[in-house]
Structures are given as C-alpha cells and as structure tokens.
Amino acid sequence: MERTVRYYGRTFGLTVRYDMVPPERFRWEIIGSTAGVTPGSYVENRYEDAGSATNVITRGEMTLRGVPKLLEGLFVSRLLGQADTEDLRYLRKLRI
C-alpha cells in the first residue's frame, strides 16, 4: 500500500506491507521509501486480554539511511509518535 507521511512540513512516500491477524496482531513493514527508511524496517503490535482492558505489546526495528545512530532514535520516536495522527487522517480520507 502506498502511504504519504508528513514530517516537519515535508512529505515522503512509503510503500508499506500490512499483515493483520485480528485480534492478535497488526504489523507493518517498509517495502520502499523516499524518506530514507530502510526497507525491512517494521513495527508490530500484539494484543493480549487483560481483564477489562487490552495490553498492547509493540516491537519493531527501524533504521534510517544517512542518519547517525545518535539521532536515529529521536527521529524514529517522533515519526512513530505521529503515526496515530496520520493513520486517523488516512482513515477519514477513505471514509472508514
């Protein structure tokens, strides 16, 4: 699936593969990117019943081309922090 991500006013394209196994897992993996995200980078959420709530366990590996490791963690944290906002905007666009 093709996605557009906004980061500090710049727009980047991502080609993402989604793997959903409701209600246990949701995973997305970068296949291609104009943002410098290395293909093979991924984020995976696993969901566990916790009584009246749900525990979300997130794992992932994301690397950026041309970014020093010291700054990479900061950029990735900010990018993932915006993911929920971007996803909700995308779903509204699709009228879901």
C-alpha atoms as a PDB file:
ATOM      1  CA  MET A   1       0.000   0.000   0.000  1.00  0.00           C
ATOM      2  CA  GLU A   2       1.277   3.457  -0.820  1.00  0.00           C
ATOM      3  CA  ARG A   3       1.270   5.957   2.059  1.00  0.00           C
ATOM      4  CA  THR A   4       2.254   9.587   2.409  1.00  0.00           C
ATOM      5  CA  VAL A   5       3.844  10.726   5.672  1.00  0.00           C
ATOM      6  CA  ARG A   6       4.316  14.324   6.796  1.00  0.00           C
ATOM      7  CA  TYR A   7       7.336  15.039   8.950  1.00  0.00           C
ATOM      8  CA  TYR A   8       8.241  18.599   9.944  1.00  0.00           C
ATOM      9  CA  GLY A   9       6.351  20.012   6.974  1.00  0.00           C
ATOM     10  CA  ARG A  10       7.977  17.683   4.422  1.00  0.00           C
ATOM     11  CA  THR A  11       6.055  14.932   2.663  1.00  0.00           C
ATOM     12  CA  PHE A  12       7.534  11.496   1.988  1.00  0.00           C
ATOM     13  CA  GLY A  13       6.225   8.422   0.234  1.00  0.00           C
ATOM     14  CA  LEU A  14       6.270   4.952   1.731  1.00  0.00           C
ATOM     15  CA  THR A  15       5.347   1.595   0.313  1.00  0.00           C
ATOM     16  CA  VAL A  16       4.096  -0.474   3.219  1.00  0.00           C
ATOM     17  CA  ARG A  17       3.023  -4.102   3.588  1.00  0.00           C
ATOM     18  CA  TYR A  18       0.368  -4.655   6.236  1.00  0.00           C
ATOM     19  CA  ASP A  19      -0.089  -8.001   7.976  1.00  0.00           C
ATOM     20  CA  MET A  20      -3.193  -8.129  10.148  1.00  0.00           C
ATOM     21  CA  VAL A  21      -4.291 -11.119  12.181  1.00  0.00           C
ATOM     22  CA  PRO A  22      -7.208  -9.775  14.222  1.00  0.00           C
ATOM     23  CA  PRO A  23      -7.422  -9.684  17.139  1.00  0.00           C
ATOM     24  CA  GLU A  24      -3.891 -10.924  17.920  1.00  0.00           C
ATOM     25  CA  ARG A  25      -1.522  -8.890  15.749  1.00  0.00           C
ATOM     26  CA  PHE A  26      -1.002  -5.918  13.468  1.00  0.00           C
ATOM     27  CA  ARG A  27       2.330  -5.459  11.669  1.00  0.00           C
ATOM     28  CA  TRP A  28       3.533  -3.062   9.035  1.00  0.00           C
ATOM     29  CA  GLU A  29       6.785  -3.356   7.136  1.00  0.00           C
ATOM     30  CA  ILE A  30       8.503  -0.814   4.900  1.00  0.00           C
ATOM     31  CA  ILE A  31       8.978  -2.156   1.368  1.00  0.00           C
ATOM     32  CA  GLY A  32      10.166   1.119  -0.212  1.00  0.00           C
ATOM     33  CA  SER A  33      10.670   4.698   0.887  1.00  0.00           C
ATOM     34  CA  THR A  34      11.558   8.181  -0.323  1.00  0.00           C
ATOM     35  CA  ALA A  35      12.057   9.160   3.347  1.00  0.00           C
ATOM     36  CA  GLY A  36      15.266   7.217   3.841  1.00  0.00           C
ATOM     37  CA  VAL A  37      13.642   4.486   5.942  1.00  0.00           C
ATOM     38  CA  THR A  38      15.466   1.253   5.221  1.00  0.00           C
ATOM     39  CA  PRO A  39      13.317  -1.436   3.556  1.00  0.00           C
ATOM     40  CA  GLY A  40      12.672  -4.256   6.014  1.00  0.00           C
ATOM     41  CA  SER A  41      12.049  -1.832   8.880  1.00  0.00           C
ATOM     42  CA  TYR A  42       8.890  -2.830  10.740  1.00  0.00           C
ATOM     43  CA  VAL A  43       6.607  -2.214  13.688  1.00  0.00           C
ATOM     44  CA  GLU A  44       4.420  -4.949  15.166  1.00  0.00           C
ATOM     45  CA  ASN A  45       1.684  -4.703  17.774  1.00  0.00           C
ATOM     46  CA  ARG A  46       0.459  -7.780  19.647  1.00  0.00           C
ATOM     47  CA  TYR A  47      -2.700  -7.601  21.707  1.00  0.00           C
ATOM     48  CA  GLU A  48      -3.381  -9.519  24.927  1.00  0.00           C
ATOM     49  CA  ASP A  49      -6.522  -9.666  27.034  1.00  0.00           C
ATOM     50  CA  ALA A  50      -6.024  -8.019  30.425  1.00  0.00           C
ATOM     51  CA  GLY A  51      -9.430  -8.419  32.018  1.00  0.00           C
ATOM     52  CA  SER A  52     -11.443  -5.322  31.183  1.00  0.00           C
ATOM     53  CA  ALA A  53      -8.541  -3.817  29.190  1.00  0.00           C
ATOM     54  CA  THR A  54      -6.118  -4.781  26.446  1.00  0.00           C
ATOM     55  CA  ASN A  55      -2.335  -4.861  26.723  1.00  0.00           C
ATOM     56  CA  VAL A  56      -0.551  -3.715  23.580  1.00  0.00           C
ATOM     57  CA  ILE A  57       2.993  -5.008  23.164  1.00  0.00           C
ATOM     58  CA  THR A  58       4.935  -3.153  20.487  1.00  0.00           C
ATOM     59  CA  ARG A  59       8.146  -4.386  18.897  1.00  0.00           C
ATOM     60  CA  GLY A  60       9.967  -3.125  15.916  1.00  0.00           C
ATOM     61  CA  GLU A  61      13.143  -2.298  14.130  1.00  0.00           C
ATOM     62  CA  MET A  62      13.521   0.817  12.074  1.00  0.00           C
ATOM     63  CA  THR A  63      16.695   2.223  10.569  1.00  0.00           C
ATOM     64  CA  LEU A  64      17.237   5.388   8.564  1.00  0.00           C
ATOM     65  CA  ARG A  65      19.751   5.754   5.756  1.00  0.00           C
ATOM     66  CA  GLY A  66      22.278   8.529   6.216  1.00  0.00           C
ATOM     67  CA  VAL A  67      21.315   9.396   9.806  1.00  0.00           C
ATOM     68  CA  PRO A  68      23.808   8.913  12.672  1.00  0.00           C
ATOM     69  CA  LYS A  69      22.656   6.341  15.249  1.00  0.00           C
ATOM     70  CA  LEU A  70      22.564   9.040  17.934  1.00  0.00           C
ATOM     71  CA  LEU A  71      19.893  10.996  16.027  1.00  0.00           C
ATOM     72  CA  GLU A  72      18.142   7.971  14.533  1.00  0.00           C
ATOM     73  CA  GLY A  73      16.322   7.121  17.792  1.00  0.00           C
ATOM     74  CA  LEU A  74      14.998  10.676  18.086  1.00  0.00           C
ATOM     75  CA  PHE A  75      13.726  10.750  14.501  1.00  0.00           C
ATOM     76  CA  VAL A  76      12.135   7.298  14.728  1.00  0.00           C
ATOM     77  CA  SER A  77      10.410   8.150  18.042  1.00  0.00           C
ATOM     78  CA  ARG A  78       8.941  11.329  16.567  1.00  0.00           C
ATOM     79  CA  LEU A  79       7.877   9.556  13.376  1.00  0.00           C
ATOM     80  CA  LEU A  80       6.106   6.790  15.304  1.00  0.00           C
ATOM     81  CA  GLY A  81       4.565   9.356  17.633  1.00  0.00           C
ATOM     82  CA  GLN A  82       2.873  10.902  14.613  1.00  0.00           C
ATOM     83  CA  ALA A  83       1.716   7.546  13.242  1.00  0.00           C
ATOM     84  CA  ASP A  84      -1.621   7.546  15.080  1.00  0.00           C
ATOM     85  CA  THR A  85      -2.476  11.024  13.811  1.00  0.00           C
ATOM     86  CA  GLU A  86      -1.505  10.079  10.257  1.00  0.00           C
ATOM     87  CA  ASP A  87      -3.491   6.822  10.410  1.00  0.00           C
ATOM     88  CA  LEU A  88      -6.630   8.564  11.653  1.00  0.00           C
ATOM     89  CA  ARG A  89      -6.299  11.215   8.920  1.00  0.00           C
ATOM     90  CA  TYR A  90      -5.888   8.459   6.323  1.00  0.00           C
ATOM     91  CA  LEU A  91      -8.942   6.527   7.562  1.00  0.00           C
ATOM     92  CA  ARG A  92     -11.068   9.709   7.459  1.00  0.00           C
ATOM     93  CA  LYS A  93      -9.869  10.264   3.883  1.00  0.00           C
ATOM     94  CA  LEU A  94     -11.099   6.762   2.995  1.00  0.00           C
ATOM     95  CA  ARG A  95     -14.330   7.448   4.954  1.00  0.00           C
ATOM     96  CA  ILE A  96     -13.781   4.405   7.170  1.00  0.00           C
END
